[in-house]
PDB file of N, CA and C in Angstrom:
ATOM      1  N   UNK A   1      92.217  81.712  69.376  1.00  0.00           N
ATOM      2  CA  UNK A   1      93.283  82.663  69.073  1.00  0.00           C
ATOM      3  C   UNK A   1      94.201  82.081  67.999  1.00  0.00           C
ATOM      4  N   UNK A   2      94.538  82.916  67.087  1.00  0.00           N
ATOM      5  CA  UNK A   2      95.467  82.454  66.072  1.00  0.00           C
ATOM      6  C   UNK A   2      96.909  82.755  66.518  1.00  0.00           C
ATOM      7  N   UNK A   3      97.898  82.144  65.883  1.00  0.00           N
ATOM      8  CA  UNK A   3      99.294  82.316  66.298  1.00  0.00           C
ATOM      9  C   UNK A   3      99.795  83.759  66.216  1.00  0.00           C
ATOM     10  N   UNK A   4      99.292  84.526  65.256  1.00  0.00           N
ATOM     11  CA  UNK A   4      99.742  85.919  65.142  1.00  0.00           C
ATOM     12  C   UNK A   4      99.298  86.748  66.345  1.00  0.00           C
ATOM     13  N   UNK A   5      98.118  86.496  66.842  1.00  0.00           N
ATOM     14  CA  UNK A   5      97.631  87.199  68.030  1.00  0.00           C
ATOM     15  C   UNK A   5      98.473  86.837  69.253  1.00  0.00           C
ATOM     16  N   UNK A   6      98.792  85.565  69.377  1.00  0.00           N
ATOM     17  CA  UNK A   6      99.604  85.121  70.516  1.00  0.00           C
ATOM     18  C   UNK A   6     101.010  85.708  70.422  1.00  0.00           C
ATOM     19  N   UNK A   7     101.571  85.764  69.219  1.00  0.00           N
ATOM     20  CA  UNK A   7     102.900  86.375  69.040  1.00  0.00           C
ATOM     21  C   UNK A   7     102.879  87.848  69.455  1.00  0.00           C
ATOM     22  N   UNK A   8     101.844  88.562  69.054  1.00  0.00           N
ATOM     23  CA  UNK A   8     101.720  89.973  69.418  1.00  0.00           C
ATOM     24  C   UNK A   8     101.587  90.132  70.926  1.00  0.00           C
ATOM     25  N   UNK A   9     100.773  89.302  71.547  1.00  0.00           N
ATOM     26  CA  UNK A   9     100.602  89.343  72.989  1.00  0.00           C
ATOM     27  C   UNK A   9     101.916  89.059  73.712  1.00  0.00           C
ATOM     28  N   UNK A  10     102.666  88.069  73.248  1.00  0.00           N
ATOM     29  CA  UNK A  10     103.953  87.751  73.866  1.00  0.00           C
ATOM     30  C   UNK A  10     104.975  88.874  73.676  1.00  0.00           C
ATOM     31  N   UNK A  11     104.936  89.539  72.530  1.00  0.00           N
ATOM     32  CA  UNK A  11     105.841  90.668  72.309  1.00  0.00           C
ATOM     33  C   UNK A  11     105.526  91.830  73.244  1.00  0.00           C
ATOM     34  N   UNK A  12     104.244  92.144  73.412  1.00  0.00           N
ATOM     35  CA  UNK A  12     103.858  93.205  74.348  1.00  0.00           C
ATOM     36  C   UNK A  12     104.226  92.830  75.780  1.00  0.00           C
ATOM     37  N   UNK A  13     104.007  91.586  76.130  1.00  0.00           N
ATOM     38  CA  UNK A  13     104.355  91.114  77.466  1.00  0.00           C
ATOM     39  C   UNK A  13     105.866  91.171  77.688  1.00  0.00           C
ATOM     40  N   UNK A  14     106.616  90.809  76.679  1.00  0.00           N
ATOM     41  CA  UNK A  14     108.075  90.867  76.766  1.00  0.00           C
ATOM     42  C   UNK A  14     108.553  92.302  76.959  1.00  0.00           C
ATOM     43  N   UNK A  15     108.003  93.221  76.192  1.00  0.00           N
ATOM     44  CA  UNK A  15     108.388  94.627  76.320  1.00  0.00           C
ATOM     45  C   UNK A  15     108.026  95.177  77.698  1.00  0.00           C
ATOM     46  N   UNK A  16     106.833  94.868  78.177  1.00  0.00           N
ATOM     47  CA  UNK A  16     106.401  95.349  79.490  1.00  0.00           C
ATOM     48  C   UNK A  16     107.288  94.793  80.598  1.00  0.00           C
ATOM     49  N   UNK A  17     107.565  93.495  80.546  1.00  0.00           N
ATOM     50  CA  UNK A  17     108.364  92.869  81.597  1.00  0.00           C
ATOM     51  C   UNK A  17     109.808  93.364  81.600  1.00  0.00           C
ATOM     52  N   UNK A  18     110.407  93.553  80.426  1.00  0.00           N
ATOM     53  CA  UNK A  18     111.769  94.090  80.392  1.00  0.00           C
ATOM     54  C   UNK A  18     111.802  95.545  80.844  1.00  0.00           C
ATOM     55  N   UNK A  19     110.777  96.316  80.519  1.00  0.00           N
ATOM     56  CA  UNK A  19     110.707  97.699  81.008  1.00  0.00           C
ATOM     57  C   UNK A  19     110.627  97.715  82.530  1.00  0.00           C
ATOM     58  N   UNK A  20     109.825  96.839  83.097  1.00  0.00           N
ATOM     59  CA  UNK A  20     109.712  96.734  84.547  1.00  0.00           C
ATOM     60  C   UNK A  20     111.044  96.327  85.174  1.00  0.00           C
ATOM     61  N   UNK A  21     111.744  95.393  84.546  1.00  0.00           N
ATOM     62  CA  UNK A  21     113.050  94.961  85.051  1.00  0.00           C
ATOM     63  C   UNK A  21     114.063  96.100  84.987  1.00  0.00           C
ATOM     64  N   UNK A  22     114.059  96.869  83.932  1.00  0.00           N
ATOM     65  CA  UNK A  22     114.984  97.997  83.795  1.00  0.00           C
ATOM     66  C   UNK A  22     114.659  99.087  84.815  1.00  0.00           C
ATOM     67  N   UNK A  23     113.376  99.348  85.040  1.00  0.00           N
ATOM     68  CA  UNK A  23     112.990 100.340  86.063  1.00  0.00           C
ATOM     69  C   UNK A  23     113.442  99.872  87.441  1.00  0.00           C
ATOM     70  N   UNK A  24     113.235  98.591  87.743  1.00  0.00           N
ATOM     71  CA  UNK A  24     113.674  98.035  89.021  1.00  0.00           C
ATOM     72  C   UNK A  24     115.178  98.206  89.193  1.00  0.00           C
ATOM     73  N   UNK A  25     115.948  97.890  88.156  1.00  0.00           N
ATOM     74  CA  UNK A  25     117.398  98.023  88.234  1.00  0.00           C
ATOM     75  C   UNK A  25     117.819  99.481  88.412  1.00  0.00           C
ATOM     76  N   UNK A  26     117.167 100.389  87.693  1.00  0.00           N
ATOM     77  CA  UNK A  26     117.525 101.812  87.809  1.00  0.00           C
ATOM     78  C   UNK A  26     117.208 102.357  89.198  1.00  0.00           C
ATOM     79  N   UNK A  27     116.050 102.009  89.726  1.00  0.00           N
ATOM     80  CA  UNK A  27     115.722 102.456  91.088  1.00  0.00           C
ATOM     81  C   UNK A  27     116.695 101.864  92.081  1.00  0.00           C
ATOM     82  N   UNK A  28     117.013 100.596  91.926  1.00  0.00           N
ATOM     83  CA  UNK A  28     117.960  99.943  92.827  1.00  0.00           C
ATOM     84  C   UNK A  28     119.340 100.573  92.722  1.00  0.00           C
ATOM     85  N   UNK A  29     119.761 100.936  91.534  1.00  0.00           N
ATOM     86  CA  UNK A  29     121.102 101.498  91.343  1.00  0.00           C
ATOM     87  C   UNK A  29     121.204 102.952  91.797  1.00  0.00           C
ATOM     88  N   UNK A  30     120.229 103.763  91.400  1.00  0.00           N
ATOM     89  CA  UNK A  30     120.336 105.202  91.645  1.00  0.00           C
ATOM     90  C   UNK A  30     119.751 105.646  92.982  1.00  0.00           C
ATOM     91  N   UNK A  31     118.859 104.866  93.567  1.00  0.00           N
ATOM     92  CA  UNK A  31     118.259 105.231  94.851  1.00  0.00           C
ATOM     93  C   UNK A  31     118.493 104.125  95.876  1.00  0.00           C
ATOM     94  N   UNK A  32     119.676 103.550  95.853  1.00  0.00           N
ATOM     95  CA  UNK A  32     119.993 102.407  96.702  1.00  0.00           C
ATOM     96  C   UNK A  32     119.846 102.737  98.187  1.00  0.00           C
ATOM     97  N   UNK A  33     120.433 103.847  98.613  1.00  0.00           N
ATOM     98  CA  UNK A  33     120.398 104.179 100.036  1.00  0.00           C
ATOM     99  C   UNK A  33     118.979 104.456 100.516  1.00  0.00           C
ATOM    100  N   UNK A  34     118.214 105.191  99.730  1.00  0.00           N
ATOM    101  CA  UNK A  34     116.835 105.474 100.103  1.00  0.00           C
ATOM    102  C   UNK A  34     116.019 104.183 100.186  1.00  0.00           C
ATOM    103  N   UNK A  35     116.199 103.308  99.203  1.00  0.00           N
ATOM    104  CA  UNK A  35     115.472 102.045  99.167  1.00  0.00           C
ATOM    105  C   UNK A  35     115.865 101.156 100.338  1.00  0.00           C
ATOM    106  N   UNK A  36     117.150 101.158 100.671  1.00  0.00           N
ATOM    107  CA  UNK A  36     117.617 100.362 101.806  1.00  0.00           C
ATOM    108  C   UNK A  36     117.021 100.886 103.110  1.00  0.00           C
ATOM    109  N   UNK A  37     117.009 102.190 103.292  1.00  0.00           N
ATOM    110  CA  UNK A  37     116.434 102.767 104.510  1.00  0.00           C
ATOM    111  C   UNK A  37     114.928 102.474 104.607  1.00  0.00           C
ATOM    112  N   UNK A  38     114.249 102.486 103.483  1.00  0.00           N
ATOM    113  CA  UNK A  38     112.821 102.183 103.465  1.00  0.00           C
ATOM    114  C   UNK A  38     112.559 100.744 103.913  1.00  0.00           C
ATOM    115  N   UNK A  39     113.331  99.804 103.391  1.00  0.00           N
ATOM    116  CA  UNK A  39     113.142  98.400 103.742  1.00  0.00           C
ATOM    117  C   UNK A  39     113.690  98.070 105.123  1.00  0.00           C
ATOM    118  N   UNK A  40     114.658  98.834 105.568  1.00  0.00           N
ATOM    119  CA  UNK A  40     115.275  98.573 106.874  1.00  0.00           C
ATOM    120  C   UNK A  40     114.285  98.809 108.014  1.00  0.00           C
ATOM    121  N   UNK A  41     113.259  99.616 107.785  1.00  0.00           N
ATOM    122  CA  UNK A  41     112.239  99.849 108.810  1.00  0.00           C
ATOM    123  C   UNK A  41     111.483  98.570 109.160  1.00  0.00           C
ATOM    124  N   UNK A  42     111.233  97.743 108.149  1.00  0.00           N
ATOM    125  CA  UNK A  42     110.442  96.532 108.351  1.00  0.00           C
ATOM    126  C   UNK A  42     111.292  95.293 108.566  1.00  0.00           C
ATOM    127  N   UNK A  43     112.427  95.221 107.884  1.00  0.00           N
ATOM    128  CA  UNK A  43     113.282  94.040 107.946  1.00  0.00           C
ATOM    129  C   UNK A  43     114.651  94.461 108.436  1.00  0.00           C
ATOM    130  N   UNK A  44     115.200  93.721 109.353  1.00  0.00           N
ATOM    131  CA  UNK A  44     116.505  94.058 109.913  1.00  0.00           C
ATOM    132  C   UNK A  44     117.571  93.155 109.285  1.00  0.00           C
ATOM    133  N   UNK A  45     118.216  93.675 108.254  1.00  0.00           N
ATOM    134  CA  UNK A  45     119.315  92.958 107.612  1.00  0.00           C
ATOM    135  C   UNK A  45     120.341  93.955 107.118  1.00  0.00           C
ATOM    136  N   UNK A  46     121.510  93.437 106.788  1.00  0.00           N
ATOM    137  CA  UNK A  46     122.608  94.308 106.371  1.00  0.00           C
ATOM    138  C   UNK A  46     122.411  94.765 104.927  1.00  0.00           C
ATOM    139  N   UNK A  47     123.224  95.721 104.546  1.00  0.00           N
ATOM    140  CA  UNK A  47     123.171  96.235 103.180  1.00  0.00           C
ATOM    141  C   UNK A  47     123.561  95.154 102.172  1.00  0.00           C
ATOM    142  N   UNK A  48     124.514  94.314 102.539  1.00  0.00           N
ATOM    143  CA  UNK A  48     124.931  93.230 101.639  1.00  0.00           C
ATOM    144  C   UNK A  48     123.808  92.220 101.416  1.00  0.00           C
ATOM    145  N   UNK A  49     123.088  91.900 102.483  1.00  0.00           N
ATOM    146  CA  UNK A  49     121.959  90.979 102.357  1.00  0.00           C
ATOM    147  C   UNK A  49     120.855  91.599 101.505  1.00  0.00           C
ATOM    148  N   UNK A  50     120.628  92.880 101.687  1.00  0.00           N
ATOM    149  CA  UNK A  50     119.652  93.611 100.881  1.00  0.00           C
ATOM    150  C   UNK A  50     120.019  93.525  99.399  1.00  0.00           C
ATOM    151  N   UNK A  51     121.303  93.720  99.093  1.00  0.00           N
ATOM    152  CA  UNK A  51     121.760  93.630  97.701  1.00  0.00           C
ATOM    153  C   UNK A  51     121.551  92.230  97.133  1.00  0.00           C
ATOM    154  N   UNK A  52     121.865  91.211  97.943  1.00  0.00           N
ATOM    155  CA  UNK A  52     121.702  89.829  97.484  1.00  0.00           C
ATOM    156  C   UNK A  52     120.238  89.532  97.173  1.00  0.00           C
ATOM    157  N   UNK A  53     119.330  89.985  98.053  1.00  0.00           N
ATOM    158  CA  UNK A  53     117.902  89.757  97.806  1.00  0.00           C
ATOM    159  C   UNK A  53     117.453  90.401  96.497  1.00  0.00           C
ATOM    160  N   UNK A  54     117.890  91.618  96.262  1.00  0.00           N
ATOM    161  CA  UNK A  54     117.443  92.305  95.040  1.00  0.00           C
ATOM    162  C   UNK A  54     118.057  91.696  93.785  1.00  0.00           C
ATOM    163  N   UNK A  55     119.344  91.377  93.822  1.00  0.00           N
ATOM    164  CA  UNK A  55     119.950  90.763  92.646  1.00  0.00           C
ATOM    165  C   UNK A  55     119.373  89.378  92.371  1.00  0.00           C
ATOM    166  N   UNK A  56     119.093  88.621  93.421  1.00  0.00           N
ATOM    167  CA  UNK A  56     118.469  87.312  93.229  1.00  0.00           C
ATOM    168  C   UNK A  56     117.052  87.467  92.682  1.00  0.00           C
ATOM    169  N   UNK A  57     116.331  88.469  93.172  1.00  0.00           N
ATOM    170  CA  UNK A  57     114.988  88.730  92.650  1.00  0.00           C
ATOM    171  C   UNK A  57     115.015  89.128  91.189  1.00  0.00           C
ATOM    172  N   UNK A  58     115.967  89.983  90.824  1.00  0.00           N
ATOM    173  CA  UNK A  58     116.090  90.382  89.420  1.00  0.00           C
ATOM    174  C   UNK A  58     116.469  89.200  88.546  1.00  0.00           C
ATOM    175  N   UNK A  59     117.348  88.341  89.041  1.00  0.00           N
ATOM    176  CA  UNK A  59     117.744  87.158  88.271  1.00  0.00           C
ATOM    177  C   UNK A  59     116.569  86.207  88.086  1.00  0.00           C
ATOM    178  N   UNK A  60     115.806  85.977  89.147  1.00  0.00           N
ATOM    179  CA  UNK A  60     114.638  85.099  89.043  1.00  0.00           C
ATOM    180  C   UNK A  60     113.597  85.685  88.087  1.00  0.00           C
ATOM    181  N   UNK A  61     113.400  86.995  88.153  1.00  0.00           N
ATOM    182  CA  UNK A  61     112.441  87.650  87.264  1.00  0.00           C
ATOM    183  C   UNK A  61     112.890  87.530  85.804  1.00  0.00           C
ATOM    184  N   UNK A  62     114.186  87.701  85.571  1.00  0.00           N
ATOM    185  CA  UNK A  62     114.710  87.592  84.205  1.00  0.00           C
ATOM    186  C   UNK A  62     114.582  86.165  83.684  1.00  0.00           C
ATOM    187  N   UNK A  63     114.835  85.176  84.527  1.00  0.00           N
ATOM    188  CA  UNK A  63     114.649  83.783  84.112  1.00  0.00           C
ATOM    189  C   UNK A  63     113.186  83.524  83.788  1.00  0.00           C
ATOM    190  N   UNK A  64     112.284  84.094  84.585  1.00  0.00           N
ATOM    191  CA  UNK A  64     110.860  83.964  84.292  1.00  0.00           C
ATOM    192  C   UNK A  64     110.485  84.586  82.963  1.00  0.00           C
ATOM    193  N   UNK A  65     111.072  85.738  82.655  1.00  0.00           N
ATOM    194  CA  UNK A  65     110.814  86.380  81.365  1.00  0.00           C
ATOM    195  C   UNK A  65     111.286  85.486  80.219  1.00  0.00           C
ATOM    196  N   UNK A  66     112.457  84.913  80.384  1.00  0.00           N
ATOM    197  CA  UNK A  66     113.007  84.053  79.329  1.00  0.00           C
ATOM    198  C   UNK A  66     112.133  82.817  79.128  1.00  0.00           C
ATOM    199  N   UNK A  67     111.747  82.183  80.246  1.00  0.00           N
ATOM    200  CA  UNK A  67     110.971  80.947  80.134  1.00  0.00           C
ATOM    201  C   UNK A  67     109.526  81.166  79.707  1.00  0.00           C
ATOM    202  N   UNK A  68     108.929  82.267  80.139  1.00  0.00           N
ATOM    203  CA  UNK A  68     107.499  82.463  79.889  1.00  0.00           C
ATOM    204  C   UNK A  68     107.174  83.396  78.726  1.00  0.00           C
ATOM    205  N   UNK A  69     108.171  84.140  78.239  1.00  0.00           N
ATOM    206  CA  UNK A  69     107.916  85.040  77.110  1.00  0.00           C
ATOM    207  C   UNK A  69     108.777  84.705  75.896  1.00  0.00           C
ATOM    208  N   UNK A  70     110.072  84.629  76.094  1.00  0.00           N
ATOM    209  CA  UNK A  70     110.978  84.464  74.950  1.00  0.00           C
ATOM    210  C   UNK A  70     110.902  83.057  74.370  1.00  0.00           C
ATOM    211  N   UNK A  71     110.918  82.032  75.224  1.00  0.00           N
ATOM    212  CA  UNK A  71     110.886  80.654  74.710  1.00  0.00           C
ATOM    213  C   UNK A  71     109.612  80.363  73.911  1.00  0.00           C
ATOM    214  N   UNK A  72     108.422  80.704  74.420  1.00  0.00           N
ATOM    215  CA  UNK A  72     107.232  80.458  73.589  1.00  0.00           C
ATOM    216  C   UNK A  72     107.204  81.298  72.315  1.00  0.00           C
ATOM    217  N   UNK A  73     107.727  82.511  72.396  1.00  0.00           N
ATOM    218  CA  UNK A  73     107.749  83.376  71.214  1.00  0.00           C
ATOM    219  C   UNK A  73     108.661  82.800  70.132  1.00  0.00           C
ATOM    220  N   UNK A  74     109.816  82.338  70.526  1.00  0.00           N
ATOM    221  CA  UNK A  74     110.735  81.708  69.556  1.00  0.00           C
ATOM    222  C   UNK A  74     110.099  80.444  68.978  1.00  0.00           C
ATOM    223  N   UNK A  75     109.447  79.643  69.820  1.00  0.00           N
ATOM    224  CA  UNK A  75     108.783  78.421  69.323  1.00  0.00           C
ATOM    225  C   UNK A  75     107.708  78.776  68.299  1.00  0.00           C
ATOM    226  N   UNK A  76     106.933  79.822  68.573  1.00  0.00           N
ATOM    227  CA  UNK A  76     105.914  80.222  67.598  1.00  0.00           C
ATOM    228  C   UNK A  76     106.519  80.751  66.322  1.00  0.00           C
ATOM    229  N   UNK A  77     107.617  81.507  66.443  1.00  0.00           N
ATOM    230  CA  UNK A  77     108.278  82.007  65.236  1.00  0.00           C
ATOM    231  C   UNK A  77     108.822  80.853  64.388  1.00  0.00           C
ATOM    232  N   UNK A  78     109.296  79.796  65.034  1.00  0.00           N
ATOM    233  CA  UNK A  78     109.829  78.647  64.287  1.00  0.00           C
ATOM    234  C   UNK A  78     108.706  77.823  63.659  1.00  0.00           C
ATOM    235  N   UNK A  79     107.575  77.738  64.339  1.00  0.00           N
ATOM    236  CA  UNK A  79     106.470  76.945  63.806  1.00  0.00           C
ATOM    237  C   UNK A  79     105.640  77.696  62.761  1.00  0.00           C
ATOM    238  N   UNK A  80     105.448  78.999  62.979  1.00  0.00           N
ATOM    239  CA  UNK A  80     104.624  79.823  62.083  1.00  0.00           C
ATOM    240  C   UNK A  80     105.424  81.045  61.645  1.00  0.00           C
ATOM    241  N   UNK A  81     106.272  80.890  60.636  1.00  0.00           N
ATOM    242  CA  UNK A  81     107.112  82.038  60.208  1.00  0.00           C
ATOM    243  C   UNK A  81     106.364  83.164  59.565  1.00  0.00           C
TER     244      UNK A  81
END
């Protein structure tokens, strides 16, 4: 694989992952009560704990996007302009 192919792949991956993160945030924000009731059937925790789990998950996912998509993409852009 040449660097241009890898850059294109990382850009598509970055777009897909950020779209997924935005969809997750929108569902969490606009359908919070429905989502909480759905998860409450299987797991018994408070609404605050539910919020903490989702925000921590979104933060971990965003850190993964930065480390696995943005950092290599920037490195390739710096090495192969």
